[in-house]
Amino acid sequence: MNHTRIAAEALRYRFNLVRVPLVDDTEVDLELMAGTTVAAADPAVDSALRRIATAWIRAGIEPERLCQPWDCPQARALFADRPDLIDALDDIVRVATHTQAA
């Protein structure tokens, strides 16, 4: 699995959940942000990606879909049923924003 692609989709999904007026991602390069986030090698990101991927697979969603936009009904149901996964997304966003600021 490509951790950078999964992180990019995680960021995209989370930003879409809190879109305008809270987040304006029109100026954000999600691929670059995801790359720097994964390259930071923060254990919180590794843990978050692992928790999301494990829940994803246990929910019966094809693992390949982790690297594609998460706009499918199964992904929406997964995150609705598992609020702890929103916390995992927030862990990724936190590291991503700190990495971007540095």
PDB file of N, CA and C in Angstrom:
ATOM      1  N   MET A   1       0.826  -1.188   0.000  1.00  0.00           N
ATOM      2  CA  MET A   1       0.000   0.000   0.000  1.00  0.00           C
ATOM      3  C   MET A   1       0.871   1.252   0.000  1.00  0.00           C
ATOM      4  N   ASN A   2       0.403   2.242  -0.668  1.00  0.00           N
ATOM      5  CA  ASN A   2       1.106   3.511  -0.760  1.00  0.00           C
ATOM      6  C   ASN A   2       0.609   4.436   0.360  1.00  0.00           C
ATOM      7  N   HIS A   3       1.423   4.579   1.387  1.00  0.00           N
ATOM      8  CA  HIS A   3       1.022   5.377   2.545  1.00  0.00           C
ATOM      9  C   HIS A   3       0.737   6.834   2.190  1.00  0.00           C
ATOM     10  N   THR A   4       1.479   7.368   1.254  1.00  0.00           N
ATOM     11  CA  THR A   4       1.261   8.759   0.853  1.00  0.00           C
ATOM     12  C   THR A   4      -0.100   8.927   0.199  1.00  0.00           C
ATOM     13  N   ARG A   5      -0.486   7.982  -0.657  1.00  0.00           N
ATOM     14  CA  ARG A   5      -1.804   8.061  -1.314  1.00  0.00           C
ATOM     15  C   ARG A   5      -2.922   7.920  -0.279  1.00  0.00           C
ATOM     16  N   ILE A   6      -2.743   7.005   0.672  1.00  0.00           N
ATOM     17  CA  ILE A   6      -3.764   6.823   1.699  1.00  0.00           C
ATOM     18  C   ILE A   6      -3.872   8.087   2.551  1.00  0.00           C
ATOM     19  N   ALA A   7      -2.740   8.668   2.913  1.00  0.00           N
ATOM     20  CA  ALA A   7      -2.753   9.906   3.697  1.00  0.00           C
ATOM     21  C   ALA A   7      -3.421  11.037   2.913  1.00  0.00           C
ATOM     22  N   ALA A   8      -3.172  11.115   1.615  1.00  0.00           N
ATOM     23  CA  ALA A   8      -3.804  12.150   0.787  1.00  0.00           C
ATOM     24  C   ALA A   8      -5.316  11.975   0.778  1.00  0.00           C
ATOM     25  N   GLU A   9      -5.773  10.752   0.648  1.00  0.00           N
ATOM     26  CA  GLU A   9      -7.224  10.512   0.657  1.00  0.00           C
ATOM     27  C   GLU A   9      -7.815  10.761   2.030  1.00  0.00           C
ATOM     28  N   ALA A  10      -7.071  10.457   3.084  1.00  0.00           N
ATOM     29  CA  ALA A  10      -7.534  10.746   4.441  1.00  0.00           C
ATOM     30  C   ALA A  10      -7.692  12.254   4.632  1.00  0.00           C
ATOM     31  N   LEU A  11      -6.697  13.010   4.187  1.00  0.00           N
ATOM     32  CA  LEU A  11      -6.779  14.475   4.294  1.00  0.00           C
ATOM     33  C   LEU A  11      -7.949  15.013   3.477  1.00  0.00           C
ATOM     34  N   ARG A  12      -8.090  14.522   2.252  1.00  0.00           N
ATOM     35  CA  ARG A  12      -9.186  14.971   1.382  1.00  0.00           C
ATOM     36  C   ARG A  12     -10.541  14.670   2.050  1.00  0.00           C
ATOM     37  N   TYR A  13     -10.679  13.460   2.581  1.00  0.00           N
ATOM     38  CA  TYR A  13     -11.938  13.068   3.212  1.00  0.00           C
ATOM     39  C   TYR A  13     -12.248  13.959   4.417  1.00  0.00           C
ATOM     40  N   ARG A  14     -11.243  14.170   5.265  1.00  0.00           N
ATOM     41  CA  ARG A  14     -11.468  14.985   6.464  1.00  0.00           C
ATOM     42  C   ARG A  14     -11.780  16.422   6.104  1.00  0.00           C
ATOM     43  N   PHE A  15     -11.047  16.976   5.149  1.00  0.00           N
ATOM     44  CA  PHE A  15     -11.313  18.351   4.735  1.00  0.00           C
ATOM     45  C   PHE A  15     -12.716  18.476   4.153  1.00  0.00           C
ATOM     46  N   ASN A  16     -13.168  17.468   3.436  1.00  0.00           N
ATOM     47  CA  ASN A  16     -14.521  17.503   2.875  1.00  0.00           C
ATOM     48  C   ASN A  16     -15.581  17.446   3.967  1.00  0.00           C
ATOM     49  N   LEU A  17     -15.268  16.826   5.096  1.00  0.00           N
ATOM     50  CA  LEU A  17     -16.225  16.773   6.203  1.00  0.00           C
ATOM     51  C   LEU A  17     -16.404  18.135   6.872  1.00  0.00           C
ATOM     52  N   VAL A  18     -15.369  18.965   6.838  1.00  0.00           N
ATOM     53  CA  VAL A  18     -15.434  20.278   7.494  1.00  0.00           C
ATOM     54  C   VAL A  18     -15.247  21.417   6.500  1.00  0.00           C
ATOM     55  N   ARG A  19     -15.623  21.167   5.297  1.00  0.00           N
ATOM     56  CA  ARG A  19     -15.424  22.105   4.201  1.00  0.00           C
ATOM     57  C   ARG A  19     -15.818  23.523   4.555  1.00  0.00           C
ATOM     58  N   VAL A  20     -15.965  24.347   3.618  1.00  0.00           N
ATOM     59  CA  VAL A  20     -16.319  25.753   3.764  1.00  0.00           C
ATOM     60  C   VAL A  20     -17.434  25.885   4.798  1.00  0.00           C
ATOM     61  N   PRO A  21     -17.380  26.806   5.716  1.00  0.00           N
ATOM     62  CA  PRO A  21     -16.431  27.891   5.840  1.00  0.00           C
ATOM     63  C   PRO A  21     -15.209  27.552   6.682  1.00  0.00           C
ATOM     64  N   LEU A  22     -15.127  26.352   7.222  1.00  0.00           N
ATOM     65  CA  LEU A  22     -14.033  26.050   8.136  1.00  0.00           C
ATOM     66  C   LEU A  22     -12.712  25.765   7.436  1.00  0.00           C
ATOM     67  N   VAL A  23     -12.756  25.135   6.270  1.00  0.00           N
ATOM     68  CA  VAL A  23     -11.524  24.760   5.578  1.00  0.00           C
ATOM     69  C   VAL A  23     -11.623  25.174   4.123  1.00  0.00           C
ATOM     70  N   ASP A  24     -10.647  25.902   3.671  1.00  0.00           N
ATOM     71  CA  ASP A  24     -10.558  26.246   2.255  1.00  0.00           C
ATOM     72  C   ASP A  24      -9.365  25.499   1.699  1.00  0.00           C
ATOM     73  N   ASP A  25      -9.643  24.368   1.043  1.00  0.00           N
ATOM     74  CA  ASP A  25      -8.544  23.548   0.545  1.00  0.00           C
ATOM     75  C   ASP A  25      -8.252  23.793  -0.931  1.00  0.00           C
ATOM     76  N   THR A  26      -8.767  24.898  -1.480  1.00  0.00           N
ATOM     77  CA  THR A  26      -8.504  25.169  -2.891  1.00  0.00           C
ATOM     78  C   THR A  26      -7.037  25.499  -3.127  1.00  0.00           C
ATOM     79  N   GLU A  27      -6.361  25.989  -2.106  1.00  0.00           N
ATOM     80  CA  GLU A  27      -4.957  26.352  -2.241  1.00  0.00           C
ATOM     81  C   GLU A  27      -4.023  25.277  -1.694  1.00  0.00           C
ATOM     82  N   VAL A  28      -4.567  24.151  -1.265  1.00  0.00           N
ATOM     83  CA  VAL A  28      -3.766  23.102  -0.634  1.00  0.00           C
ATOM     84  C   VAL A  28      -3.388  22.037  -1.652  1.00  0.00           C
ATOM     85  N   ASP A  29      -2.115  21.711  -1.708  1.00  0.00           N
ATOM     86  CA  ASP A  29      -1.636  20.601  -2.529  1.00  0.00           C
ATOM     87  C   ASP A  29      -1.652  19.361  -1.632  1.00  0.00           C
ATOM     88  N   LEU A  30      -2.736  18.609  -1.697  1.00  0.00           N
ATOM     89  CA  LEU A  30      -2.898  17.461  -0.804  1.00  0.00           C
ATOM     90  C   LEU A  30      -1.833  16.396  -1.010  1.00  0.00           C
ATOM     91  N   GLU A  31      -1.389  16.226  -2.227  1.00  0.00           N
ATOM     92  CA  GLU A  31      -0.348  15.226  -2.496  1.00  0.00           C
ATOM     93  C   GLU A  31       0.957  15.619  -1.800  1.00  0.00           C
ATOM     94  N   LEU A  32       1.321  16.884  -1.916  1.00  0.00           N
ATOM     95  CA  LEU A  32       2.535  17.369  -1.253  1.00  0.00           C
ATOM     96  C   LEU A  32       2.374  17.304   0.262  1.00  0.00           C
ATOM     97  N   MET A  33       1.225  17.732   0.749  1.00  0.00           N
ATOM     98  CA  MET A  33       0.968  17.705   2.183  1.00  0.00           C
ATOM     99  C   MET A  33       1.040  16.271   2.704  1.00  0.00           C
ATOM    100  N   ALA A  34       0.453  15.331   1.993  1.00  0.00           N
ATOM    101  CA  ALA A  34       0.486  13.926   2.411  1.00  0.00           C
ATOM    102  C   ALA A  34       1.908  13.384   2.385  1.00  0.00           C
ATOM    103  N   GLY A  35       2.661  13.751   1.360  1.00  0.00           N
ATOM    104  CA  GLY A  35       4.047  13.282   1.253  1.00  0.00           C
ATOM    105  C   GLY A  35       4.904  13.762   2.407  1.00  0.00           C
ATOM    106  N   THR A  36       4.766  15.026   2.764  1.00  0.00           N
ATOM    107  CA  THR A  36       5.567  15.545   3.876  1.00  0.00           C
ATOM    108  C   THR A  36       5.091  14.980   5.211  1.00  0.00           C
ATOM    109  N   THR A  37       3.804  14.695   5.295  1.00  0.00           N
ATOM    110  CA  THR A  37       3.260  14.114   6.524  1.00  0.00           C
ATOM    111  C   THR A  37       3.801  12.710   6.744  1.00  0.00           C
ATOM    112  N   VAL A  38       3.793  11.896   5.712  1.00  0.00           N
ATOM    113  CA  VAL A  38       4.307  10.528   5.820  1.00  0.00           C
ATOM    114  C   VAL A  38       5.819  10.556   6.034  1.00  0.00           C
ATOM    115  N   ALA A  39       6.511  11.459   5.342  1.00  0.00           N
ATOM    116  CA  ALA A  39       7.968  11.550   5.471  1.00  0.00           C
ATOM    117  C   ALA A  39       8.390  11.989   6.873  1.00  0.00           C
ATOM    118  N   ALA A  40       7.507  12.668   7.584  1.00  0.00           N
ATOM    119  CA  ALA A  40       7.834  13.102   8.949  1.00  0.00           C
ATOM    120  C   ALA A  40       7.989  11.910   9.890  1.00  0.00           C
ATOM    121  N   ALA A  41       7.472  10.763   9.498  1.00  0.00           N
ATOM    122  CA  ALA A  41       7.594   9.517  10.271  1.00  0.00           C
ATOM    123  C   ALA A  41       7.090   9.669  11.698  1.00  0.00           C
ATOM    124  N   ASP A  42       6.009  10.394  11.853  1.00  0.00           N
ATOM    125  CA  ASP A  42       5.405  10.573  13.170  1.00  0.00           C
ATOM    126  C   ASP A  42       4.615   9.307  13.519  1.00  0.00           C
ATOM    127  N   PRO A  43       4.846   8.745  14.702  1.00  0.00           N
ATOM    128  CA  PRO A  43       4.124   7.526  15.090  1.00  0.00           C
ATOM    129  C   PRO A  43       2.604   7.703  15.097  1.00  0.00           C
ATOM    130  N   ALA A  44       2.120   8.913  15.338  1.00  0.00           N
ATOM    131  CA  ALA A  44       0.675   9.147  15.345  1.00  0.00           C
ATOM    132  C   ALA A  44       0.072   8.920  13.958  1.00  0.00           C
ATOM    133  N   VAL A  45       0.811   9.307  12.929  1.00  0.00           N
ATOM    134  CA  VAL A  45       0.333   9.101  11.553  1.00  0.00           C
ATOM    135  C   VAL A  45       0.357   7.616  11.215  1.00  0.00           C
ATOM    136  N   ASP A  46       1.443   6.954  11.548  1.00  0.00           N
ATOM    137  CA  ASP A  46       1.527   5.512  11.293  1.00  0.00           C
ATOM    138  C   ASP A  46       0.385   4.776  11.977  1.00  0.00           C
ATOM    139  N   SER A  47       0.133   5.111  13.223  1.00  0.00           N
ATOM    140  CA  SER A  47      -0.936   4.475  13.978  1.00  0.00           C
ATOM    141  C   SER A  47      -2.301   4.777  13.359  1.00  0.00           C
ATOM    142  N   ALA A  48      -2.520   6.028  12.982  1.00  0.00           N
ATOM    143  CA  ALA A  48      -3.803   6.413  12.384  1.00  0.00           C
ATOM    144  C   ALA A  48      -4.044   5.677  11.068  1.00  0.00           C
ATOM    145  N   LEU A  49      -3.022   5.619  10.230  1.00  0.00           N
ATOM    146  CA  LEU A  49      -3.166   4.910   8.953  1.00  0.00           C
ATOM    147  C   LEU A  49      -3.454   3.431   9.191  1.00  0.00           C
ATOM    148  N   ARG A  50      -2.788   2.862  10.154  1.00  0.00           N
ATOM    149  CA  ARG A  50      -2.986   1.438  10.473  1.00  0.00           C
ATOM    150  C   ARG A  50      -4.408   1.193  10.986  1.00  0.00           C
ATOM    151  N   ARG A  51      -4.891   2.065  11.888  1.00  0.00           N
ATOM    152  CA  ARG A  51      -6.251   1.907  12.420  1.00  0.00           C
ATOM    153  C   ARG A  51      -7.297   2.025  11.320  1.00  0.00           C
ATOM    154  N   ILE A  52      -7.121   3.011  10.442  1.00  0.00           N
ATOM    155  CA  ILE A  52      -8.071   3.212   9.345  1.00  0.00           C
ATOM    156  C   ILE A  52      -8.045   2.017   8.399  1.00  0.00           C
ATOM    157  N   ALA A  53      -6.853   1.586   7.996  1.00  0.00           N
ATOM    158  CA  ALA A  53      -6.745   0.463   7.048  1.00  0.00           C
ATOM    159  C   ALA A  53      -7.314  -0.823   7.641  1.00  0.00           C
ATOM    160  N   THR A  54      -7.063  -1.070   8.908  1.00  0.00           N
ATOM    161  CA  THR A  54      -7.587  -2.283   9.551  1.00  0.00           C
ATOM    162  C   THR A  54      -9.115  -2.259   9.584  1.00  0.00           C
ATOM    163  N   ALA A  55      -9.685  -1.128  10.001  1.00  0.00           N
ATOM    164  CA  ALA A  55     -11.146  -1.010  10.043  1.00  0.00           C
ATOM    165  C   ALA A  55     -11.743  -1.117   8.643  1.00  0.00           C
ATOM    166  N   TRP A  56     -11.076  -0.528   7.680  1.00  0.00           N
ATOM    167  CA  TRP A  56     -11.514  -0.528   6.288  1.00  0.00           C
ATOM    168  C   TRP A  56     -11.631  -1.958   5.769  1.00  0.00           C
ATOM    169  N   ILE A  57     -10.585  -2.721   5.994  1.00  0.00           N
ATOM    170  CA  ILE A  57     -10.552  -4.106   5.514  1.00  0.00           C
ATOM    171  C   ILE A  57     -11.570  -4.960   6.265  1.00  0.00           C
ATOM    172  N   ARG A  58     -11.661  -4.770   7.578  1.00  0.00           N
ATOM    173  CA  ARG A  58     -12.650  -5.519   8.370  1.00  0.00           C
ATOM    174  C   ARG A  58     -14.076  -5.195   7.958  1.00  0.00           C
ATOM    175  N   ALA A  59     -14.300  -3.992   7.425  1.00  0.00           N
ATOM    176  CA  ALA A  59     -15.630  -3.596   6.946  1.00  0.00           C
ATOM    177  C   ALA A  59     -15.932  -4.202   5.580  1.00  0.00           C
ATOM    178  N   GLY A  60     -14.941  -4.871   4.993  1.00  0.00           N
ATOM    179  CA  GLY A  60     -15.157  -5.522   3.710  1.00  0.00           C
ATOM    180  C   GLY A  60     -14.965  -4.623   2.500  1.00  0.00           C
ATOM    181  N   ILE A  61     -14.361  -3.479   2.722  1.00  0.00           N
ATOM    182  CA  ILE A  61     -14.085  -2.565   1.600  1.00  0.00           C
ATOM    183  C   ILE A  61     -12.765  -2.994   0.976  1.00  0.00           C
ATOM    184  N   GLU A  62     -12.723  -3.034  -0.339  1.00  0.00           N
ATOM    185  CA  GLU A  62     -11.510  -3.459  -1.035  1.00  0.00           C
ATOM    186  C   GLU A  62     -10.329  -2.578  -0.641  1.00  0.00           C
ATOM    187  N   PRO A  63      -9.206  -3.191  -0.255  1.00  0.00           N
ATOM    188  CA  PRO A  63      -8.033  -2.420   0.165  1.00  0.00           C
ATOM    189  C   PRO A  63      -7.559  -1.416  -0.890  1.00  0.00           C
ATOM    190  N   GLU A  64      -7.721  -1.740  -2.161  1.00  0.00           N
ATOM    191  CA  GLU A  64      -7.286  -0.834  -3.234  1.00  0.00           C
ATOM    192  C   GLU A  64      -8.018   0.497  -3.172  1.00  0.00           C
ATOM    193  N   ARG A  65      -9.233   0.499  -2.619  1.00  0.00           N
ATOM    194  CA  ARG A  65     -10.029   1.729  -2.519  1.00  0.00           C
ATOM    195  C   ARG A  65      -9.436   2.730  -1.541  1.00  0.00           C
ATOM    196  N   LEU A  66      -8.505   2.278  -0.680  1.00  0.00           N
ATOM    197  CA  LEU A  66      -7.841   3.206   0.238  1.00  0.00           C
ATOM    198  C   LEU A  66      -7.061   4.280  -0.514  1.00  0.00           C
ATOM    199  N   CYS A  67      -6.616   3.955  -1.715  1.00  0.00           N
ATOM    200  CA  CYS A  67      -5.795   4.882  -2.505  1.00  0.00           C
ATOM    201  C   CYS A  67      -6.622   5.674  -3.503  1.00  0.00           C
ATOM    202  N   GLN A  68      -7.932   5.578  -3.404  1.00  0.00           N
ATOM    203  CA  GLN A  68      -8.849   6.298  -4.283  1.00  0.00           C
ATOM    204  C   GLN A  68      -9.720   7.202  -3.419  1.00  0.00           C
ATOM    205  N   PRO A  69     -10.385   8.193  -4.005  1.00  0.00           N
ATOM    206  CA  PRO A  69     -11.260   9.040  -3.181  1.00  0.00           C
ATOM    207  C   PRO A  69     -12.265   8.196  -2.400  1.00  0.00           C
ATOM    208  N   TRP A  70     -12.450   8.574  -1.154  1.00  0.00           N
ATOM    209  CA  TRP A  70     -13.298   7.812  -0.233  1.00  0.00           C
ATOM    210  C   TRP A  70     -14.738   8.284  -0.268  1.00  0.00           C
ATOM    211  N   ASP A  71     -15.269   8.564  -1.431  1.00  0.00           N
ATOM    212  CA  ASP A  71     -16.628   9.086  -1.529  1.00  0.00           C
ATOM    213  C   ASP A  71     -17.674   7.995  -1.728  1.00  0.00           C
ATOM    214  N   CYS A  72     -17.313   6.750  -1.458  1.00  0.00           N
ATOM    215  CA  CYS A  72     -18.259   5.647  -1.628  1.00  0.00           C
ATOM    216  C   CYS A  72     -19.136   5.496  -0.381  1.00  0.00           C
ATOM    217  N   PRO A  73     -20.336   4.945  -0.535  1.00  0.00           N
ATOM    218  CA  PRO A  73     -21.236   4.777   0.617  1.00  0.00           C
ATOM    219  C   PRO A  73     -20.631   3.917   1.731  1.00  0.00           C
ATOM    220  N   GLN A  74     -19.831   2.907   1.382  1.00  0.00           N
ATOM    221  CA  GLN A  74     -19.232   2.047   2.396  1.00  0.00           C
ATOM    222  C   GLN A  74     -18.272   2.830   3.285  1.00  0.00           C
ATOM    223  N   ALA A  75     -17.486   3.713   2.704  1.00  0.00           N
ATOM    224  CA  ALA A  75     -16.545   4.523   3.485  1.00  0.00           C
ATOM    225  C   ALA A  75     -17.304   5.493   4.383  1.00  0.00           C
ATOM    226  N   ARG A  76     -18.332   6.127   3.840  1.00  0.00           N
ATOM    227  CA  ARG A  76     -19.130   7.048   4.664  1.00  0.00           C
ATOM    228  C   ARG A  76     -19.763   6.310   5.845  1.00  0.00           C
ATOM    229  N   ALA A  77     -20.268   5.094   5.593  1.00  0.00           N
ATOM    230  CA  ALA A  77     -20.874   4.301   6.668  1.00  0.00           C
ATOM    231  C   ALA A  77     -19.826   3.912   7.707  1.00  0.00           C
ATOM    232  N   LEU A  78     -18.632   3.550   7.247  1.00  0.00           N
ATOM    233  CA  LEU A  78     -17.561   3.166   8.158  1.00  0.00           C
ATOM    234  C   LEU A  78     -17.240   4.301   9.122  1.00  0.00           C
ATOM    235  N   PHE A  79     -17.044   5.500   8.599  1.00  0.00           N
ATOM    236  CA  PHE A  79     -16.695   6.630   9.451  1.00  0.00           C
ATOM    237  C   PHE A  79     -17.880   7.080  10.311  1.00  0.00           C
ATOM    238  N   ALA A  80     -19.099   6.888   9.833  1.00  0.00           N
ATOM    239  CA  ALA A  80     -20.274   7.220  10.641  1.00  0.00           C
ATOM    240  C   ALA A  80     -20.413   6.251  11.814  1.00  0.00           C
ATOM    241  N   ASP A  81     -20.103   4.985  11.565  1.00  0.00           N
ATOM    242  CA  ASP A  81     -20.225   3.957  12.609  1.00  0.00           C
ATOM    243  C   ASP A  81     -19.049   3.938  13.574  1.00  0.00           C
ATOM    244  N   ARG A  82     -17.917   4.502  13.155  1.00  0.00           N
ATOM    245  CA  ARG A  82     -16.696   4.437  13.962  1.00  0.00           C
ATOM    246  C   ARG A  82     -16.132   5.840  14.191  1.00  0.00           C
ATOM    247  N   PRO A  83     -16.673   6.590  15.140  1.00  0.00           N
ATOM    248  CA  PRO A  83     -16.177   7.938  15.388  1.00  0.00           C
ATOM    249  C   PRO A  83     -14.704   7.967  15.784  1.00  0.00           C
ATOM    250  N   ASP A  84     -14.181   6.852  16.305  1.00  0.00           N
ATOM    251  CA  ASP A  84     -12.755   6.807  16.631  1.00  0.00           C
ATOM    252  C   ASP A  84     -11.892   6.961  15.381  1.00  0.00           C
ATOM    253  N   LEU A  85     -12.456   6.624  14.229  1.00  0.00           N
ATOM    254  CA  LEU A  85     -11.700   6.798  12.983  1.00  0.00           C
ATOM    255  C   LEU A  85     -11.616   8.270  12.581  1.00  0.00           C
ATOM    256  N   ILE A  86     -12.593   9.056  12.995  1.00  0.00           N
ATOM    257  CA  ILE A  86     -12.503  10.509  12.779  1.00  0.00           C
ATOM    258  C   ILE A  86     -11.328  11.046  13.585  1.00  0.00           C
ATOM    259  N   ASP A  87     -11.137  10.508  14.791  1.00  0.00           N
ATOM    260  CA  ASP A  87      -9.978  10.899  15.598  1.00  0.00           C
ATOM    261  C   ASP A  87      -8.681  10.540  14.883  1.00  0.00           C
ATOM    262  N   ALA A  88      -8.656   9.391  14.206  1.00  0.00           N
ATOM    263  CA  ALA A  88      -7.469   8.995  13.443  1.00  0.00           C
ATOM    264  C   ALA A  88      -7.222   9.979  12.299  1.00  0.00           C
ATOM    265  N   LEU A  89      -8.294  10.397  11.630  1.00  0.00           N
ATOM    266  CA  LEU A  89      -8.147  11.406  10.578  1.00  0.00           C
ATOM    267  C   LEU A  89      -7.584  12.700  11.156  1.00  0.00           C
ATOM    268  N   ASP A  90      -8.091  13.082  12.325  1.00  0.00           N
ATOM    269  CA  ASP A  90      -7.612  14.309  12.961  1.00  0.00           C
ATOM    270  C   ASP A  90      -6.139  14.215  13.352  1.00  0.00           C
ATOM    271  N   ASP A  91      -5.684  13.018  13.730  1.00  0.00           N
ATOM    272  CA  ASP A  91      -4.258  12.828  14.019  1.00  0.00           C
ATOM    273  C   ASP A  91      -3.425  13.110  12.773  1.00  0.00           C
ATOM    274  N   ILE A  92      -3.905  12.634  11.632  1.00  0.00           N
ATOM    275  CA  ILE A  92      -3.181  12.860  10.369  1.00  0.00           C
ATOM    276  C   ILE A  92      -3.189  14.343  10.029  1.00  0.00           C
ATOM    277  N   VAL A  93      -4.331  14.980  10.165  1.00  0.00           N
ATOM    278  CA  VAL A  93      -4.438  16.420   9.865  1.00  0.00           C
ATOM    279  C   VAL A  93      -3.539  17.227  10.794  1.00  0.00           C
ATOM    280  N   ARG A  94      -3.511  16.867  12.078  1.00  0.00           N
ATOM    281  CA  ARG A  94      -2.679  17.608  13.039  1.00  0.00           C
ATOM    282  C   ARG A  94      -1.212  17.562  12.626  1.00  0.00           C
ATOM    283  N   VAL A  95      -0.724  16.379  12.317  1.00  0.00           N
ATOM    284  CA  VAL A  95       0.685  16.253  11.912  1.00  0.00           C
ATOM    285  C   VAL A  95       0.898  16.976  10.579  1.00  0.00           C
ATOM    286  N   ALA A  96      -0.056  16.845   9.672  1.00  0.00           N
ATOM    287  CA  ALA A  96       0.077  17.502   8.359  1.00  0.00           C
ATOM    288  C   ALA A  96       0.180  19.014   8.502  1.00  0.00           C
ATOM    289  N   THR A  97      -0.654  19.600   9.362  1.00  0.00           N
ATOM    290  CA  THR A  97      -0.618  21.060   9.508  1.00  0.00           C
ATOM    291  C   THR A  97       0.651  21.509  10.236  1.00  0.00           C
ATOM    292  N   HIS A  98       1.104  20.717  11.202  1.00  0.00           N
ATOM    293  CA  HIS A  98       2.354  21.068  11.881  1.00  0.00           C
ATOM    294  C   HIS A  98       3.534  20.941  10.929  1.00  0.00           C
ATOM    295  N   THR A  99       3.509  19.931  10.091  1.00  0.00           N
ATOM    296  CA  THR A  99       4.591  19.732   9.118  1.00  0.00           C
ATOM    297  C   THR A  99       4.608  20.869   8.103  1.00  0.00           C
ATOM    298  N   GLN A 100       3.438  21.277   7.655  1.00  0.00           N
ATOM    299  CA  GLN A 100       3.344  22.382   6.687  1.00  0.00           C
ATOM    300  C   GLN A 100       3.834  23.696   7.303  1.00  0.00           C
ATOM    301  N   ALA A 101       3.536  23.884   8.584  1.00  0.00           N
ATOM    302  CA  ALA A 101       3.916  25.128   9.255  1.00  0.00           C
ATOM    303  C   ALA A 101       5.415  25.208   9.509  1.00  0.00           C
ATOM    304  N   ALA A 102       6.055  24.064   9.604  1.00  0.00           N
ATOM    305  CA  ALA A 102       7.486  24.039   9.941  1.00  0.00           C
ATOM    306  C   ALA A 102       8.375  24.465   8.806  1.00  0.00           C
TER     307      ALA A 102
END
